[in-house]
C-alpha cells in the first residue's frame, strides 16, 4: 500500500516521500520509524492494523507499506503472494490497484512547492523532497460513511515509471470528468504512443480525456511566456504539452529555485487533458495546474 500513518509523528506518509527522507536525517531518525510492528498503522477505512515499511530493495524497486492484519472492511485488504526475500516466510502485499474489482478514483491535488534540487520547506516548516504527505481518501458527499480510495497523478506517475506492467490490462478506474469504469489502458498513454487516433472525437463529440506521460526532453519558454514541455525534438509525429503564459507562470511559481525551464529536462511528467491536432503537431493544452504533476529524474 502507498500510504500509512506514523505512530512516531502522527503524520500520514506516502511511501516514496518517506523513503526520500532517508538522506535528510540521521540513521537513528530513520531506524526509529522503520522498527517493525512499532512505527506504522494502516489508515484504510478505520483499519488501524499494525503496518510496516518496505524499502525498494524488498519491494521490487519501489518503497511501500504493508500489513498482514487488515480488518475485513479495510480498503487496503488484498491477496498475498509468496516472494523470495531474506525472510522466506514473508509475503508481499499486492496493491489493490493490481487486483480485479478495485475501486480507485483519480484525484487532483492542489499544487505543492517543488524544487529542482530536491529539498523544500513544507507548510509545516519541515523539509522534504516534494512537500508534505496528502490524504489518500475523499468522502463521497452522497454517503458520508462511504470512503472511496483515491490516487493523485503523481502517485500514478510513479507506478507508470517504475513498472512496465502497470496498469494491468483489465484494471478499471474512475476519472472524475470522464466517468466510472474507465479502462486504465485507455486513460494512460505515453507521449511516444500518442497518435491522431487519440485526438479523434468519440461519442461525446470530443477526444477522450486522457493522462499523457513520459520524460521532458526539451522544455521551451517562448517570448510571450508560453511553455512547451516537449518529450523530444519537435516534430509532426511527437505530441507536446502546451501551457499558456498565465498557466505557465503560475505553475513555474511553485518551484522554489527554478531559474530556467531547461532545468526540468529529464523530469517525468504526467498531464491530463484532451489531445488536439494543431497545424504542425499534436498537443495537450493545460488550463488547470491541478491536472499536471512531475517527478525528478531517477538517480
Protein backbone atom coordinates (compact mmCIF):
# COMPACT_ATOMS: atom_id res chain seq x y z
CA UNK A 1 0.00 0.00 0.00
CA UNK A 2 1.17 3.51 -0.77
CA UNK A 3 0.30 5.33 2.43
CA UNK A 4 0.29 4.70 6.19
CA UNK A 5 0.16 6.67 9.44
CA UNK A 6 3.26 7.05 11.58
CA UNK A 7 2.92 6.28 15.28
CA UNK A 8 6.01 8.41 15.88
CA UNK A 9 4.89 11.76 14.48
CA UNK A 10 1.17 11.10 13.79
CA UNK A 11 1.58 12.05 10.13
CA UNK A 12 0.25 10.16 7.12
CA UNK A 13 3.13 9.44 4.77
CA UNK A 14 3.34 8.46 1.12
CA UNK A 15 5.85 5.59 0.94
CA UNK A 16 8.01 7.26 -1.72
CA UNK A 17 8.10 10.56 0.20
CA UNK A 18 9.04 8.73 3.40
CA UNK A 19 11.85 6.82 1.68
CA UNK A 20 13.24 10.10 0.35
CA UNK A 21 13.67 11.29 3.97
CA UNK A 22 16.47 8.74 4.48
CA UNK A 23 19.09 11.06 3.03
CA UNK A 24 17.80 14.05 5.01
CA UNK A 25 18.07 12.59 8.53
CA UNK A 26 20.50 10.58 10.62
CA UNK A 27 20.31 6.81 10.90
CA UNK A 28 18.58 6.97 14.26
CA UNK A 29 15.69 9.03 12.88
CA UNK A 30 15.04 6.54 10.12
CA UNK A 31 15.61 3.41 12.23
CA UNK A 32 13.07 4.56 14.82
CA UNK A 33 10.44 4.97 12.10
CA UNK A 34 11.11 1.61 10.49
CA UNK A 35 11.14 -0.54 13.63
CA UNK A 36 8.85 -3.42 12.73
CA UNK A 37 5.41 -3.55 14.38
CA UNK A 38 6.00 -0.33 16.35
CA UNK A 39 6.04 2.55 13.89
CA UNK A 40 3.07 2.42 11.48
CA UNK A 41 -0.65 1.69 11.26
CA UNK A 42 -2.95 1.25 8.28
CA UNK A 43 -5.46 4.05 7.61
CA UNK A 44 -7.85 2.10 5.40
CA UNK A 45 -11.45 2.70 6.46
CA UNK A 46 -10.66 2.77 10.18
CA UNK A 47 -8.46 -0.33 9.98
CA UNK A 48 -5.65 0.78 12.33
CA UNK A 49 -3.81 -2.53 11.82
CA UNK A 50 -0.11 -2.54 12.67
CA UNK A 51 1.83 -1.90 9.47
CA UNK A 52 5.47 -1.91 8.38
CA UNK A 53 7.65 -0.19 5.81
CA UNK A 54 9.28 -1.95 2.85
CA UNK A 55 12.40 -0.46 1.28
CA UNK A 56 12.76 -0.57 -2.52
CA UNK A 57 15.21 -3.48 -2.18
CA UNK A 58 12.49 -5.58 -0.54
CA UNK A 59 9.61 -4.48 -2.74
CA UNK A 60 10.69 -4.91 -6.38
CA UNK A 61 12.32 -1.48 -6.62
CA UNK A 62 9.54 0.66 -5.14
CA UNK A 63 9.06 1.63 -1.47
CA UNK A 64 5.75 0.61 0.09
CA UNK A 65 3.92 -0.07 3.33
CA UNK A 66 2.34 -3.38 4.21
CA UNK A 67 0.27 -5.13 6.87
CA UNK A 68 -0.83 -8.72 7.49
CA UNK A 69 -3.65 -7.81 9.84
CA UNK A 70 -6.14 -5.70 7.87
CA UNK A 71 -9.74 -5.74 9.08
CA UNK A 72 -12.30 -7.28 6.67
CA UNK A 73 -13.64 -3.78 5.88
CA UNK A 74 -10.22 -2.29 5.11
CA UNK A 75 -9.82 -0.65 1.69
CA UNK A 76 -6.23 -1.92 1.52
CA UNK A 77 -7.10 -5.55 2.22
CA UNK A 78 -5.58 -7.54 -0.65
CA UNK A 79 -4.49 -11.03 -1.51
CA UNK A 80 -0.89 -12.00 -0.78
CA UNK A 81 1.73 -13.84 -2.79
CA UNK A 82 4.89 -15.59 -1.69
CA UNK A 83 8.12 -13.84 -2.61
CA UNK A 84 11.76 -14.75 -2.48
CA UNK A 85 13.25 -12.50 0.18
CA UNK A 86 15.72 -12.74 3.02
CA UNK A 87 12.76 -13.85 5.13
CA UNK A 88 11.25 -16.89 3.33
CA UNK A 89 8.12 -16.82 5.46
CA UNK A 90 7.34 -13.28 4.42
CA UNK A 91 4.57 -12.46 1.96
CA UNK A 92 4.40 -9.28 -0.10
CA UNK A 93 1.10 -7.49 -0.44
CA UNK A 94 -0.23 -6.96 -3.93
CA UNK A 95 -1.56 -3.42 -4.01
CA UNK A 96 -5.29 -3.20 -4.63
CA UNK A 97 -4.78 -1.33 -7.88
CA UNK A 98 -3.41 -4.51 -9.42
CA UNK A 99 -6.43 -6.58 -8.43
CA UNK A 100 -9.68 -7.03 -10.27
CA UNK A 101 -12.62 -5.03 -8.99
CA UNK A 102 -10.65 -2.32 -7.21
CA UNK A 103 -12.38 0.98 -6.66
CA UNK A 104 -9.87 3.71 -7.44
CA UNK A 105 -10.63 7.31 -8.36
CA UNK A 106 -8.13 9.74 -9.87
CA UNK A 107 -7.59 12.69 -7.51
CA UNK A 108 -6.44 16.18 -8.49
CA UNK A 109 -4.20 17.59 -5.77
CA UNK A 110 -3.60 21.25 -5.23
CA UNK A 111 -0.08 22.21 -6.38
CA UNK A 112 2.74 21.75 -3.90
CA UNK A 113 6.03 23.53 -3.55
CA UNK A 114 8.73 21.82 -5.62
CA UNK A 115 12.46 22.14 -6.03
CA UNK A 116 14.88 21.28 -8.80
CA UNK A 117 17.42 20.45 -6.08
CA UNK A 118 15.00 18.11 -4.35
CA UNK A 119 14.63 19.73 -0.92
CA UNK A 120 12.00 22.27 0.09
CA UNK A 121 10.29 23.52 3.20
CA UNK A 122 6.74 22.30 3.51
CA UNK A 123 3.79 24.08 5.09
CA UNK A 124 4.64 22.68 8.49
CA UNK A 125 8.14 24.09 8.45
CA UNK A 126 9.87 20.76 7.91
CA UNK A 127 11.96 19.73 4.95
CA UNK A 128 11.06 17.10 2.39
CA UNK A 129 11.60 16.23 -1.26
CA UNK A 130 8.15 17.08 -2.53
CA UNK A 131 6.19 18.64 0.31
CA UNK A 132 4.00 17.07 2.94
CA UNK A 133 2.05 13.86 2.59
CA UNK A 134 -1.56 14.14 1.49
CA UNK A 135 -4.74 12.28 2.37
CA UNK A 136 -5.42 9.17 0.32
CA UNK A 137 -9.19 9.28 0.72
CA UNK A 138 -12.11 11.57 -0.02
CA UNK A 139 -15.58 11.34 1.41
CA UNK A 140 -18.40 10.81 -1.05
CA UNK A 141 -20.95 13.53 -0.39
CA UNK A 142 -23.91 11.25 -1.15
CA UNK A 143 -22.93 8.85 1.63
CA UNK A 144 -20.73 10.24 4.40
CA UNK A 145 -19.98 6.72 5.68
CA UNK A 146 -18.61 5.53 2.33
CA UNK A 147 -14.92 6.14 1.79
CA UNK A 148 -13.60 5.97 -1.73
CA UNK A 149 -9.96 5.24 -2.40
CA UNK A 150 -8.26 7.93 -4.46
CA UNK A 151 -4.86 8.36 -6.04
CA UNK A 152 -3.14 11.52 -7.21
CA UNK A 153 -1.48 11.93 -10.58
CA UNK A 154 2.00 11.93 -9.01
CA UNK A 155 1.39 8.53 -7.43
CA UNK A 156 0.13 7.14 -10.71
CA UNK A 157 3.19 8.57 -12.47
CA UNK A 158 5.44 6.74 -10.01
CA UNK A 159 3.70 3.46 -10.82
CA UNK A 160 3.89 4.04 -14.57
CA UNK A 161 7.56 5.00 -14.35
CA UNK A 162 8.57 2.12 -12.08
CA UNK A 163 6.66 -0.79 -13.63
CA UNK A 164 6.35 -1.85 -17.25
CA UNK A 165 3.36 -4.00 -16.23
CA UNK A 166 1.29 -1.12 -14.88
CA UNK A 167 -1.58 -0.76 -15.42
CA UNK A 168 -2.86 -4.31 -15.76
CA UNK A 169 -4.92 -4.91 -18.95
CA UNK A 170 -8.18 -5.36 -17.02
CA UNK A 171 -7.68 -2.58 -14.47
CA UNK A 172 -10.51 -0.02 -14.44
CA UNK A 173 -10.67 3.32 -12.65
CA UNK A 174 -12.92 6.32 -12.13
CA UNK A 175 -11.91 9.57 -13.81
CA UNK A 176 -13.96 12.50 -12.40
CA UNK A 177 -14.59 14.27 -15.72
CA UNK A 178 -14.86 11.09 -17.77
CA UNK A 179 -16.86 8.67 -15.65
CA UNK A 180 -16.63 5.34 -13.87
CA UNK A 181 -15.31 2.04 -15.15
CA UNK A 182 -12.68 3.59 -17.42
CA UNK A 183 -10.16 1.09 -18.71
CA UNK A 184 -6.81 2.34 -17.38
CA UNK A 185 -5.00 1.38 -20.57
CA UNK A 186 -7.39 3.74 -22.39
CA UNK A 187 -6.61 6.55 -19.95
CA UNK A 188 -2.82 6.43 -19.53
CA UNK A 189 -0.76 6.98 -22.67
CA UNK A 190 2.97 7.50 -23.17
CA UNK A 191 3.92 10.62 -25.10
CA UNK A 192 5.60 8.46 -27.72
CA UNK A 193 2.44 6.39 -28.23
CA UNK A 194 0.06 9.31 -28.81
CA UNK A 195 -1.37 9.43 -32.34
CA UNK A 196 -4.09 11.25 -34.24
CA UNK A 197 -6.42 8.45 -33.20
CA UNK A 198 -6.24 9.73 -29.61
CA UNK A 199 -7.35 13.17 -30.84
CA UNK A 200 -10.36 11.80 -32.73
CA UNK A 201 -13.81 12.68 -31.31
CA UNK A 202 -15.76 9.86 -29.69
CA UNK A 203 -19.47 9.53 -28.96
CA UNK A 204 -19.33 12.61 -26.72
CA UNK A 205 -18.16 14.72 -29.67
CA UNK A 206 -14.76 15.30 -28.04
CA UNK A 207 -11.48 13.47 -27.86
CA UNK A 208 -11.26 11.29 -24.74
CA UNK A 209 -9.88 12.74 -21.54
CA UNK A 210 -6.53 11.01 -21.01
CA UNK A 211 -3.39 11.19 -18.90
CA UNK A 212 -0.30 11.52 -21.08
CA UNK A 213 3.06 10.85 -19.50
CA UNK A 214 6.76 10.49 -20.14
CA UNK A 215 10.06 12.34 -19.84
CA UNK A 216 10.56 16.04 -20.56
CA UNK A 217 13.36 16.33 -23.13
CA UNK A 218 13.10 19.89 -24.46
CA UNK A 219 11.28 22.37 -22.20
CA UNK A 220 10.91 25.62 -24.13
CA UNK A 221 9.68 29.00 -22.89
CA UNK A 222 8.72 31.33 -25.73
CA UNK A 223 8.99 35.10 -25.78
CA UNK A 224 5.30 35.53 -24.94
CA UNK A 225 5.59 33.26 -21.87
CA UNK A 226 4.07 30.13 -23.40
CA UNK A 227 5.75 26.98 -22.08
CA UNK A 228 6.16 23.86 -24.21
CA UNK A 229 7.10 20.67 -22.37
CA UNK A 230 8.41 18.62 -25.28
CA UNK A 231 9.20 14.92 -24.87
CA UNK A 232 11.70 15.14 -27.73
CA UNK A 233 12.72 17.05 -30.82
CA UNK A 234 9.56 18.87 -32.01
CA UNK A 235 8.03 17.01 -34.94
CA UNK A 236 4.70 16.19 -36.54
CA UNK A 237 4.89 12.67 -35.07
CA UNK A 238 5.51 13.61 -31.43
CA UNK A 239 2.99 15.40 -29.21
CA UNK A 240 3.79 18.24 -26.83
CA UNK A 241 2.27 19.80 -23.72
CA UNK A 242 1.40 23.48 -24.01
CA UNK A 243 0.98 25.77 -21.02
CA UNK A 244 -0.41 29.23 -21.90
CA UNK A 245 1.57 32.13 -20.46
CA UNK A 246 -0.65 32.71 -17.41
CA UNK A 247 -0.82 29.00 -16.58
CA UNK A 248 2.91 28.56 -17.13
CA UNK A 249 3.74 31.48 -14.85
CA UNK A 250 1.50 30.11 -12.09
CA UNK A 251 2.85 26.57 -12.37
CA UNK A 252 6.53 27.55 -12.55
CA UNK A 253 5.96 29.70 -9.47
CA UNK A 254 5.63 26.55 -7.39
CA UNK A 255 9.31 25.75 -7.97
CA UNK A 256 11.30 27.38 -5.21
CA UNK A 257 14.64 27.55 -7.04
CA UNK A 258 13.94 27.25 -10.76
CA UNK A 259 15.75 29.89 -12.80
CA UNK A 260 15.30 28.38 -16.27
CA UNK A 261 12.70 25.86 -17.52
CA UNK A 262 15.52 23.84 -19.11
CA UNK A 263 16.28 22.70 -15.56
CA UNK A 264 13.25 20.42 -15.96
CA UNK A 265 15.00 18.41 -18.66
CA UNK A 266 14.86 14.73 -17.69
CA UNK A 267 11.95 15.14 -15.27
CA UNK A 268 8.99 12.78 -15.55
CA UNK A 269 5.71 14.47 -16.41
CA UNK A 270 2.04 13.49 -16.35
CA UNK A 271 -0.76 15.72 -17.60
CA UNK A 272 -4.48 15.11 -18.01
CA UNK A 273 -6.24 16.62 -20.99
CA UNK A 274 -7.66 16.06 -24.46
CA UNK A 275 -5.22 15.60 -27.31
CA UNK A 276 -5.68 18.11 -30.13
CA UNK A 277 -4.38 18.22 -33.66
CA UNK A 278 -2.62 21.51 -34.37
CA UNK A 279 -1.34 22.87 -37.64
CA UNK A 280 2.04 21.23 -37.17
CA UNK A 281 1.71 18.70 -34.35
CA UNK A 282 -0.43 17.05 -31.70
CA UNK A 283 -0.67 18.79 -28.33
CA UNK A 284 -2.43 18.95 -24.97
CA UNK A 285 -3.26 22.45 -23.75
CA UNK A 286 -3.18 22.69 -19.97
CA UNK A 287 -5.70 25.04 -18.36
CA UNK A 288 -5.77 23.70 -14.79
CA UNK A 289 -2.49 23.21 -12.91
CA UNK A 290 -4.16 20.62 -10.67
CA UNK A 291 -4.02 18.32 -13.70
CA UNK A 292 -0.25 18.28 -14.12
CA UNK A 293 2.46 16.75 -11.96
CA UNK A 294 6.14 15.98 -12.24
CA UNK A 295 8.76 13.80 -10.59
CA UNK A 296 12.52 14.43 -10.61
CA UNK A 297 14.79 12.15 -12.63
CA UNK A 298 15.67 8.80 -11.11
CA UNK A 299 19.14 8.81 -9.58
